Protein backbone atom coordinates (compact mmCIF):
# COMPACT_ATOMS: atom_id res chain seq x y z
CA MET A 1 169.76 181.69 118.63
CA ASN A 2 168.11 180.59 115.41
CA SER A 3 169.73 180.12 112.01
CA ARG A 4 168.77 183.56 110.74
CA ALA A 5 170.31 185.30 113.76
CA LEU A 6 173.55 183.35 113.36
CA GLU A 7 173.79 184.15 109.65
CA LYS A 8 173.05 187.81 110.40
CA ILE A 9 176.10 187.87 112.68
CA GLY A 10 178.13 186.78 109.65
CA LEU A 11 178.50 183.03 110.03
CA PRO A 12 178.48 181.06 106.74
CA SER A 13 175.36 178.91 106.37
CA ALA A 14 177.46 175.71 106.30
CA LEU A 15 178.69 176.44 109.84
CA VAL A 16 175.30 177.33 111.30
CA PRO A 17 174.40 173.76 112.44
CA LEU A 18 177.67 173.50 114.39
CA ALA A 19 177.16 176.99 115.82
CA LYS A 20 173.66 176.09 117.04
CA GLN A 21 175.02 172.97 118.74
CA LEU A 22 177.79 174.93 120.48
CA VAL A 23 175.41 177.72 121.51
CA ALA A 24 173.14 175.16 123.18
CA GLU A 25 176.12 173.63 124.99
CA ALA A 26 177.29 177.06 126.15
CA ARG A 27 173.83 177.92 127.48
CA ARG A 28 173.74 174.66 129.43
CA ALA A 29 177.12 175.60 130.87
CA GLY A 30 175.62 178.87 132.19
CA VAL A 31 176.81 181.36 129.55
CA GLY A 32 174.28 184.16 128.99
CA GLN A 33 172.68 184.97 125.65
CA GLN A 34 174.23 188.43 125.36
CA GLU A 35 177.69 187.08 126.19
CA ILE A 36 177.29 184.39 123.55
CA ARG A 37 176.25 186.96 120.96
CA GLY A 38 179.31 189.06 121.77
CA GLN A 39 181.66 186.08 121.59
CA LEU A 40 180.27 185.05 118.20
CA ALA A 41 180.59 188.58 116.83
CA ALA A 42 184.23 188.68 117.93
CA LEU A 43 184.77 185.23 116.44
CA VAL A 44 183.43 186.29 113.04
CA SER A 45 185.61 189.40 113.12
CA ALA A 46 188.85 187.59 114.09
CA PRO A 47 188.40 183.80 114.22
CA GLU A 48 192.15 183.16 114.45
CA GLN A 49 192.09 184.80 117.89
CA CYS A 50 189.29 182.56 119.14
CA THR A 51 190.56 179.08 118.29
CA ALA A 52 191.24 178.27 121.96
CA ASP A 53 187.86 179.47 123.21
CA PRO A 54 186.42 176.74 125.49
CA HIS A 55 182.94 177.02 123.96
CA PHE A 56 183.45 178.13 120.35
CA GLY A 57 187.02 177.12 119.52
CA ARG A 58 185.89 174.44 117.06
CA LEU A 59 183.71 176.95 115.24
CA ALA A 60 186.59 179.42 115.05
CA ARG A 61 188.94 176.81 113.61
CA ASP A 62 186.41 175.83 110.95
CA LEU A 63 185.91 179.47 109.98
CA VAL A 64 189.68 179.99 109.74
CA GLN A 65 189.89 177.00 107.39
CA GLN A 66 187.09 178.29 105.19
CA ARG A 67 188.67 181.67 104.78
CA ALA A 68 192.14 180.21 104.17
CA ALA A 69 190.79 177.96 101.43
CA GLY A 70 189.33 180.85 99.49
CA THR A 71 186.11 180.85 97.49
CA PRO A 72 186.67 179.53 93.96
CA SER A 73 183.98 180.71 91.54
CA PHE A 74 182.17 178.35 89.23
CA SER A 75 182.90 178.38 85.53
CA PRO A 76 181.94 175.17 83.69
CA ARG A 77 184.30 173.48 81.28
CA ARG A 78 184.00 174.65 77.69
CA ASP A 79 183.59 170.98 76.72
CA PRO A 80 182.55 168.20 79.12
CA ALA A 81 185.33 165.98 80.42
CA PRO A 82 185.48 162.73 78.44
CA TRP A 83 183.63 159.77 79.93
CA ARG A 84 182.43 156.32 78.97
CA GLN A 85 179.54 154.16 80.12
CA TRP A 86 179.49 150.39 80.67
CA GLY A 87 176.11 148.63 80.54
CA SER A 88 172.75 149.87 79.27
CA ASP A 89 170.44 149.23 82.23
CA ILE A 90 171.08 152.62 83.85
CA ASP A 91 168.31 155.06 84.77
CA GLU A 92 168.18 158.48 83.16
CA GLN A 93 168.59 160.30 86.48
CA ALA A 94 171.96 158.62 87.09
CA LEU A 95 173.06 159.43 83.54
CA GLY A 96 172.04 163.03 84.13
CA GLN A 97 174.15 163.18 87.28
CA MET A 98 177.19 162.00 85.34
CA ARG A 99 176.60 164.53 82.57
CA GLN A 100 176.55 167.25 85.23
CA ALA A 101 179.68 165.97 86.99
CA VAL A 102 181.81 166.18 83.84
CA GLN A 103 180.95 169.88 83.56
CA LEU A 104 182.89 170.68 86.74
CA PRO A 105 185.94 172.86 86.04
CA VAL A 106 188.08 170.44 88.07
CA ALA A 107 186.82 167.35 86.15
CA VAL A 108 189.35 165.64 83.88
CA ALA A 109 187.79 162.27 83.01
CA ALA A 110 185.02 159.97 84.21
CA ALA A 111 183.43 156.54 83.81
CA LEU A 112 180.10 154.96 84.69
CA MET A 113 179.90 151.33 85.79
CA PRO A 114 177.07 148.93 84.82
CA ASP A 115 175.66 148.81 88.37
CA ALA A 116 175.11 152.59 88.36
CA HIS A 117 172.04 154.19 89.91
CA VAL A 118 171.22 157.61 91.29
CA GLY A 119 173.18 158.88 94.29
CA TYR A 120 174.01 162.17 95.99
CA GLY A 121 175.82 164.39 93.49
CA LEU A 122 177.73 161.65 91.72
CA PRO A 123 175.78 158.50 90.80
CA ILE A 124 176.60 155.34 92.70
CA GLY A 125 178.80 153.43 90.29
CA GLY A 126 180.36 156.70 89.13
CA VAL A 127 184.09 157.30 88.76
CA LEU A 128 185.35 160.88 88.57
CA ALA A 129 188.95 162.00 88.09
CA THR A 130 189.75 165.59 89.08
CA ALA A 131 192.78 167.86 89.04
CA ASN A 132 193.99 168.97 92.49
CA ALA A 133 190.50 168.72 93.98
CA VAL A 134 188.62 166.31 96.22
CA VAL A 135 184.81 166.15 96.17
CA PRO A 136 183.45 164.81 99.50
CA TYR A 137 180.12 163.67 98.05
CA ALA A 138 181.94 161.95 95.16
CA VAL A 139 183.63 159.88 97.86
CA GLY A 140 180.31 159.27 99.57
CA VAL A 141 178.69 159.22 102.98
CA ASP A 142 180.02 155.83 104.05
CA ILE A 143 183.70 156.57 103.48
CA ALA A 144 185.78 153.53 102.51
CA CYS A 145 182.89 151.07 102.52
CA ARG A 146 184.51 147.69 101.88
CA MET A 147 184.12 144.04 100.98
CA LYS A 148 186.13 141.38 102.79
CA LEU A 149 186.20 137.64 102.11
CA SER A 150 187.79 135.01 104.34
CA VAL A 151 187.97 131.42 103.09
CA LEU A 152 187.95 129.08 106.08
CA ASP A 153 189.43 125.65 106.71
CA LEU A 154 186.01 124.32 107.72
CA PRO A 155 183.92 121.85 105.68
CA THR A 156 180.99 123.24 103.68
CA GLY A 157 178.83 120.65 105.43
CA TRP A 158 178.85 122.96 108.43
CA LEU A 159 176.25 125.09 106.60
CA GLN A 160 173.76 122.34 107.47
CA SER A 161 175.23 120.35 110.35
CA LYS A 162 176.53 123.38 112.30
CA ARG A 163 174.02 125.93 111.08
CA ASP A 164 173.10 127.13 114.58
CA ARG A 165 176.77 127.53 115.54
CA LEU A 166 177.44 129.64 112.44
CA ALA A 167 174.31 131.71 113.09
CA ARG A 168 175.35 132.24 116.70
CA ALA A 169 178.73 133.54 115.56
CA LEU A 170 177.02 136.13 113.36
CA GLU A 171 174.61 137.11 116.11
CA VAL A 172 177.13 137.67 118.90
CA GLU A 173 180.33 138.75 117.14
CA THR A 174 178.99 141.78 115.27
CA ARG A 175 176.12 144.25 115.61
CA PHE A 176 173.71 145.66 113.02
CA GLY A 177 171.75 148.89 112.74
CA ILE A 178 172.26 152.64 113.07
CA GLY A 179 174.04 153.38 116.34
CA ALA A 180 175.01 149.74 116.82
CA GLU A 181 177.99 149.43 119.14
CA PHE A 182 179.80 147.28 121.67
CA GLY A 183 180.30 148.30 125.28
CA ARG A 184 177.10 150.33 125.47
CA ARG A 185 177.34 152.85 128.28
CA GLY A 186 175.44 152.01 131.45
CA ASP A 187 174.99 148.34 130.56
CA PRO A 188 177.05 146.16 132.95
CA GLN A 189 176.29 143.07 130.81
CA ALA A 190 177.49 144.65 127.58
CA THR A 191 180.24 143.04 125.53
CA PRO A 192 183.38 145.17 125.96
CA PRO A 193 184.40 147.37 123.03
CA ARG A 194 186.63 145.71 120.46
CA GLU A 195 190.30 146.59 120.24
CA HIS A 196 192.48 147.34 117.21
CA PRO A 197 195.68 149.39 116.66
CA VAL A 198 193.76 151.86 114.47
CA LEU A 199 192.41 153.38 117.69
CA ASP A 200 195.97 154.29 118.68
CA GLU A 201 196.54 156.33 115.53
CA ASP A 202 196.43 160.14 115.41
CA TRP A 203 192.72 161.04 115.52
CA THR A 204 193.55 164.76 115.79
CA VAL A 205 193.95 164.97 111.99
CA SER A 206 190.49 166.58 111.98
CA PRO A 207 188.30 168.05 114.71
CA ILE A 208 185.56 165.72 113.43
CA THR A 209 187.57 162.52 113.88
CA LEU A 210 188.81 163.72 117.26
CA ARG A 211 185.27 164.50 118.40
CA HIS A 212 183.98 161.08 117.31
CA ARG A 213 186.86 158.87 118.38
CA ASP A 214 184.92 157.45 121.33
CA LYS A 215 181.98 156.64 119.06
CA ALA A 216 184.36 154.99 116.60
CA ARG A 217 185.78 152.87 119.41
CA LEU A 218 182.32 151.65 120.42
CA GLN A 219 181.27 150.98 116.82
CA LEU A 220 184.41 149.06 115.87
CA GLY A 221 183.38 145.60 114.67
CA THR A 222 179.80 146.58 113.76
CA SER A 223 178.02 146.39 110.45
CA GLY A 224 175.53 149.23 110.22
CA SER A 225 172.36 149.13 108.17
CA GLY A 226 171.17 149.47 104.57
CA ASN A 227 172.91 147.03 102.24
CA HIS A 228 175.57 146.05 104.77
CA PHE A 229 175.80 142.38 105.65
CA VAL A 230 177.86 139.55 107.09
CA GLU A 231 177.19 136.12 105.62
CA PHE A 232 178.48 132.60 105.21
CA GLY A 233 178.46 130.91 101.83
CA THR A 234 180.39 128.73 99.43
CA LEU A 235 183.29 129.77 97.20
CA SER A 236 183.63 127.67 94.04
CA VAL A 237 186.85 127.70 92.00
CA ASP A 238 188.23 125.58 89.18
CA ALA A 239 191.85 124.44 88.98
CA ALA A 240 193.13 127.50 87.10
CA GLN A 241 191.30 129.88 89.44
CA ALA A 242 192.65 128.05 92.49
CA ARG A 243 196.20 128.47 91.20
CA ALA A 244 195.63 132.17 90.58
CA LEU A 245 194.32 132.62 94.13
CA GLY A 246 196.93 130.44 95.83
CA LEU A 247 194.48 127.76 96.95
CA ALA A 248 195.57 124.13 97.12
CA GLY A 249 193.23 122.99 94.37
CA ALA A 250 189.82 123.22 92.74
CA GLY A 251 186.77 122.76 94.88
CA VAL A 252 184.04 124.35 97.00
CA PHE A 253 185.08 126.12 100.20
CA LEU A 254 183.26 127.59 103.19
CA ALA A 255 183.73 131.36 103.20
CA LEU A 256 182.76 134.43 105.23
CA LEU A 257 181.87 137.66 103.38
CA SER A 258 181.21 141.09 104.90
CA HIS A 259 180.20 144.51 103.61
CA SER A 260 180.34 147.66 105.75
CA GLY A 261 182.36 150.85 106.13
CA SER A 262 183.40 153.61 108.50
CA ARG A 263 180.09 153.82 110.37
CA GLY A 264 178.94 156.99 112.13
CA THR A 265 182.31 158.70 112.21
CA GLY A 266 182.75 158.42 108.44
CA ALA A 267 179.26 159.85 107.92
CA SER A 268 180.12 162.80 110.17
CA VAL A 269 183.32 163.47 108.22
CA CYS A 270 181.34 163.49 104.96
CA ASP A 271 178.66 165.77 106.36
CA HIS A 272 181.08 168.34 107.76
CA TYR A 273 183.40 168.63 104.77
CA SER A 274 180.57 168.53 102.23
CA ARG A 275 179.00 171.55 103.92
CA LEU A 276 182.39 173.21 104.06
CA ALA A 277 182.96 172.58 100.35
CA MET A 278 179.56 174.06 99.49
CA THR A 279 180.48 177.21 101.38
CA LEU A 280 183.78 177.45 99.52
CA CYS A 281 182.12 176.99 96.12
CA PRO A 282 179.36 179.61 96.42
CA GLY A 283 178.79 180.03 92.69
CA LEU A 284 177.75 176.43 92.00
CA PRO A 285 174.28 176.06 90.49
CA ARG A 286 171.80 174.14 92.62
CA GLU A 287 172.11 170.92 90.60
CA LEU A 288 175.87 170.84 91.24
CA ARG A 289 176.00 171.85 94.90
CA GLN A 290 176.54 168.28 96.05
CA LEU A 291 179.61 168.15 93.81
CA ALA A 292 181.30 171.05 95.61
CA TRP A 293 185.02 170.44 95.93
CA LEU A 294 187.93 171.31 98.18
CA PRO A 295 191.27 172.26 96.57
CA LEU A 296 193.59 169.45 97.62
CA ASP A 297 196.42 171.87 98.42
CA SER A 298 194.21 174.01 100.70
CA PRO A 299 194.12 173.57 104.50
CA ALA A 300 190.54 172.30 104.30
CA GLY A 301 191.36 169.93 101.45
CA GLN A 302 194.35 168.50 103.28
CA GLU A 303 192.36 168.10 106.48
CA TYR A 304 189.60 166.21 104.67
CA TRP A 305 192.19 164.07 102.85
CA ARG A 306 193.79 163.05 106.15
CA ALA A 307 190.39 162.36 107.72
CA MET A 308 189.27 160.33 104.69
CA ASN A 309 192.40 158.19 104.80
CA LEU A 310 191.99 157.62 108.54
CA MET A 311 188.43 156.50 107.83
CA GLY A 312 189.84 154.12 105.22
CA ARG A 313 192.08 152.52 107.80
CA TYR A 314 189.23 152.46 110.32
CA ALA A 315 186.89 150.73 107.84
CA ALA A 316 189.58 148.13 107.14
CA ALA A 317 190.01 147.63 110.89
CA ASN A 318 186.24 147.29 111.26
CA HIS A 319 186.23 144.32 108.86
CA ALA A 320 189.38 142.87 110.36
CA VAL A 321 187.71 142.83 113.78
CA ILE A 322 184.49 141.28 112.47
CA HIS A 323 186.38 138.47 110.75
CA ARG A 324 188.81 138.00 113.64
CA GLN A 325 185.99 137.59 116.16
CA ILE A 326 183.90 135.24 114.03
CA VAL A 327 186.88 133.08 113.06
CA ARG A 328 187.94 132.82 116.72
CA HIS A 329 184.38 131.99 117.74
CA LEU A 330 184.40 129.04 115.34
CA GLY A 331 187.96 127.92 116.12
CA ALA A 332 188.79 128.15 112.42
CA GLU A 333 191.79 129.20 110.33
CA VAL A 334 191.76 131.52 107.32
CA ILE A 335 193.30 130.04 104.16
CA LEU A 336 192.54 132.95 101.81
CA ASP A 337 191.83 136.60 102.56
CA ILE A 338 190.71 139.16 99.94
CA GLU A 339 189.33 142.66 100.38
CA ASN A 340 188.78 145.86 98.46
CA HIS A 341 187.03 149.14 99.09
CA HIS A 342 184.95 151.74 97.29
CA ASN A 343 183.57 155.16 98.33
CA PHE A 344 187.07 156.60 98.35
CA ALA A 345 189.45 158.90 96.49
CA TRP A 346 192.90 157.81 95.35
CA GLU A 347 195.79 159.88 93.99
CA GLU A 348 196.78 158.01 90.81
CA GLU A 349 198.58 158.54 87.53
CA HIS A 350 196.52 158.16 84.35
CA GLN A 351 197.10 158.84 80.67
CA ILE A 352 194.73 161.54 79.46
CA ASP A 353 195.01 162.31 75.74
CA GLY A 354 198.41 160.63 75.75
CA VAL A 355 199.75 162.70 78.65
CA ALA A 356 200.45 161.20 82.09
CA GLN A 357 198.70 163.16 84.83
CA ARG A 358 198.47 162.84 88.61
CA LEU A 359 194.74 162.86 89.33
CA ILE A 360 192.36 162.38 92.23
CA VAL A 361 190.17 159.42 91.25
CA HIS A 362 186.87 159.19 93.13
CA ARG A 363 185.20 155.78 93.03
CA LYS A 364 181.73 156.13 94.51
CA GLY A 365 180.38 152.61 94.58
CA ALA A 366 183.06 151.41 92.16
CA THR A 367 185.81 148.84 92.70
CA PRO A 368 189.50 149.45 91.88
CA ALA A 369 190.34 147.23 88.89
CA GLY A 370 193.94 148.00 88.03
CA ALA A 371 195.86 145.29 86.19
CA GLY A 372 196.19 142.26 88.47
CA ILE A 373 194.27 143.80 91.37
CA LEU A 374 191.95 141.37 93.18
CA GLY A 375 188.48 142.42 94.22
CA ILE A 376 185.03 141.17 95.24
CA ILE A 377 181.81 142.07 93.42
CA PRO A 378 178.72 140.82 95.31
CA GLY A 379 175.26 140.22 93.89
CA SER A 380 172.41 140.17 96.43
CA MET A 381 171.33 137.96 99.33
CA ALA A 382 170.17 135.33 96.81
CA ALA A 383 172.52 136.00 93.89
CA PRO A 384 176.18 135.04 93.58
CA GLY A 385 179.14 137.34 94.01
CA PHE A 386 182.48 137.01 92.26
CA ILE A 387 186.17 137.23 93.04
CA VAL A 388 187.66 139.24 90.17
CA ARG A 389 191.05 140.34 88.89
CA GLY A 390 191.31 143.74 87.24
CA ARG A 391 192.41 144.12 83.63
CA GLY A 392 193.58 147.75 84.03
CA VAL A 393 191.39 149.34 81.33
CA ALA A 394 192.38 152.99 80.95
CA ALA A 395 188.97 154.23 79.76
CA SER A 396 187.35 152.99 82.99
CA LEU A 397 190.04 154.70 85.06
CA HIS A 398 191.00 151.18 86.22
CA SER A 399 187.57 150.60 87.78
CA ALA A 400 184.68 148.11 87.80
CA SER A 401 181.28 147.85 89.47
CA HIS A 402 181.02 147.34 93.24
CA GLY A 403 177.97 145.09 93.04
CA ALA A 404 174.81 144.42 91.07
CA GLY A 405 173.35 147.86 91.72
CA ARG A 406 169.78 148.75 92.61
CA LYS A 407 167.11 148.69 89.93
CA MET A 408 164.40 149.74 92.37
CA SER A 409 164.39 152.42 95.06
CA ARG A 410 163.96 151.42 98.66
CA THR A 411 160.50 152.96 98.73
CA GLN A 412 159.49 151.02 95.62
CA ALA A 413 160.81 147.80 97.12
CA ARG A 414 158.90 148.29 100.37
CA GLN A 415 155.71 148.89 98.36
CA SER A 416 156.27 145.96 96.00
CA PHE A 417 157.25 142.98 98.16
CA ARG A 418 156.04 141.04 101.19
CA TRP A 419 158.05 138.67 103.34
CA PRO A 420 156.07 135.44 102.70
CA GLN A 421 156.77 135.76 98.98
CA VAL A 422 160.43 136.68 99.52
CA ARG A 423 161.16 133.95 102.06
CA ALA A 424 159.66 131.30 99.78
CA GLU A 425 161.98 132.41 97.00
CA LEU A 426 165.00 132.46 99.32
CA SER A 427 164.20 128.96 100.54
CA GLN A 428 164.04 127.69 96.96
CA GLN A 429 167.51 129.11 96.37
CA GLY A 430 168.97 127.59 99.54
CA VAL A 431 169.39 130.89 101.39
CA ASP A 432 168.81 131.04 105.14
CA LEU A 433 168.07 134.67 106.09
CA LEU A 434 168.55 135.65 109.73
CA SER A 435 167.41 139.26 109.33
CA ALA A 436 167.12 142.02 106.72
CA GLY A 437 164.87 144.84 105.56
CA ILE A 438 162.34 144.18 102.82
CA ASP A 439 164.05 146.90 100.74
CA GLU A 440 167.07 144.59 100.37
CA VAL A 441 165.24 141.73 98.64
CA PRO A 442 166.93 140.22 95.57
CA LEU A 443 164.42 141.58 93.04
CA ALA A 444 165.29 145.15 94.08
CA TYR A 445 168.69 144.59 92.44
CA LYS A 446 169.87 144.26 88.86
CA ASP A 447 170.84 140.89 87.40
CA ILE A 448 174.42 140.34 88.55
CA HIS A 449 175.12 138.09 85.57
CA ALA A 450 174.15 140.89 83.16
CA VAL A 451 176.32 143.33 85.12
CA MET A 452 179.32 140.99 84.96
CA ALA A 453 178.78 140.40 81.24
CA ALA A 454 178.73 144.17 80.64
CA GLN A 455 182.15 144.57 82.27
CA ALA A 456 183.89 141.43 81.03
CA ASP A 457 186.52 143.69 79.47
CA LEU A 458 187.22 145.28 82.88
CA VAL A 459 187.66 142.24 85.12
CA GLU A 460 188.42 138.51 84.92
CA THR A 461 186.38 136.18 87.14
CA LEU A 462 188.42 133.98 89.51
CA GLY A 463 185.72 132.46 91.69
CA ARG A 464 182.03 132.43 92.55
CA PHE A 465 180.60 133.04 96.02
CA ASP A 466 177.04 131.84 96.77
CA PRO A 467 175.35 133.23 99.93
CA ARG A 468 173.83 130.63 102.23
CA LEU A 469 173.45 132.12 105.74
CA VAL A 470 172.80 135.88 105.64
CA LYS A 471 172.48 138.55 108.31
CA MET A 472 171.66 142.22 107.73
CA ALA A 473 170.09 144.97 109.82
CA PRO A 474 166.56 143.96 110.85
CA GLU A 475 163.39 145.30 109.31
CA GLY A 476 162.62 148.90 110.21
CA GLU A 477 166.22 150.16 110.25
CA LYS A 478 166.84 153.27 108.17
CA ALA A 479 169.40 152.71 105.41
CA GLU A 480 172.76 154.45 105.91
CA ASP A 481 174.63 153.08 102.86
């Protein structure tokens, strides 16, 4: 059955892709076309009576959720929600996305970080606070993408004298690329899947997480593609910074830094609930469809919220496994551990016009920067990153940038640079690159020093990390960040 036939039966367009998948599975199981058509007609008429159907139960449950959540109509705010911008090097398309976001009837306040660039719906680097609503695309595709830094008790001289040992640890203890996993089926030589208590949690919080639990198990400890990386470098701190971080004293330390998120399962959660939100917000104009929201107190909103939080814990476990395996491989000890995440929504209290309100704060490519909160803001493969401590600025909704931010699209970067030129520059800067796509070269990113200067009122710098041995997904991998 094609999309038109399924919509003619009465299925919402957002559920048509799932319906087509289930129809194909039913046909392979020997169910006839006429029987399928009859089952789908009955499902549309009374989905609550079909939730246990062996072929179309998932579709029935999704339809029940849609109808229970209602269909809020779109009526823009009389005045845009207040928002403030940090930094001036932001493209007009990203600014336009923010101006649209603050028109949402559920929008309360917003902020735009200096690393901002165009994204899906909300710009990357955008912060959006809403009232009783969660916007899946304002969270992002890679739910709970994170940074994690481990300072090791190994000498920095290892970057030269033990270079091959460090490189080997990166090569064997994580995987890169779309679909990367451990314990690949049918491969008797494959490394067994990694283990972590997150896999023992309740994955039935959403039919999407339940369906993809096996994939999540195989992808645990992997790093994906796009701008995701695992790298060794040096962390430099002065005496005051060392005291603030709990280190024994000033100096230069060997450190491990990683950036990745919730992998394929998180992307599937985003895709499903974004489509569901679009169905439940039918009156949204085209330019706002990717900002469709789910009422937080609706069944669909609660289901997404639980799935998003599970993906947050899974992303944290993903980094924990990567660092655990690499540290064990090297026989090292961790003397400082810092991490933070972005691409997430938090329920927080903020003062809006002098009134305390409980809001849902979406940080899409933005780092939490509440007073005293530690975070990591990376640059690029050849630019430093920084350990920061938040200052808790109300106007930024307690947020800061999550990196340098792209100044050039991936297509532009691929057209503009060639590896001989890039590798010569990396060598001059003391960076040893194991693998990466040409669209991740340093000149595709904004100047991290300018970005940090633009948000000096948002965060205090407590240390500088300089990349030295870098691994990303190899050339030719499609970006999934």
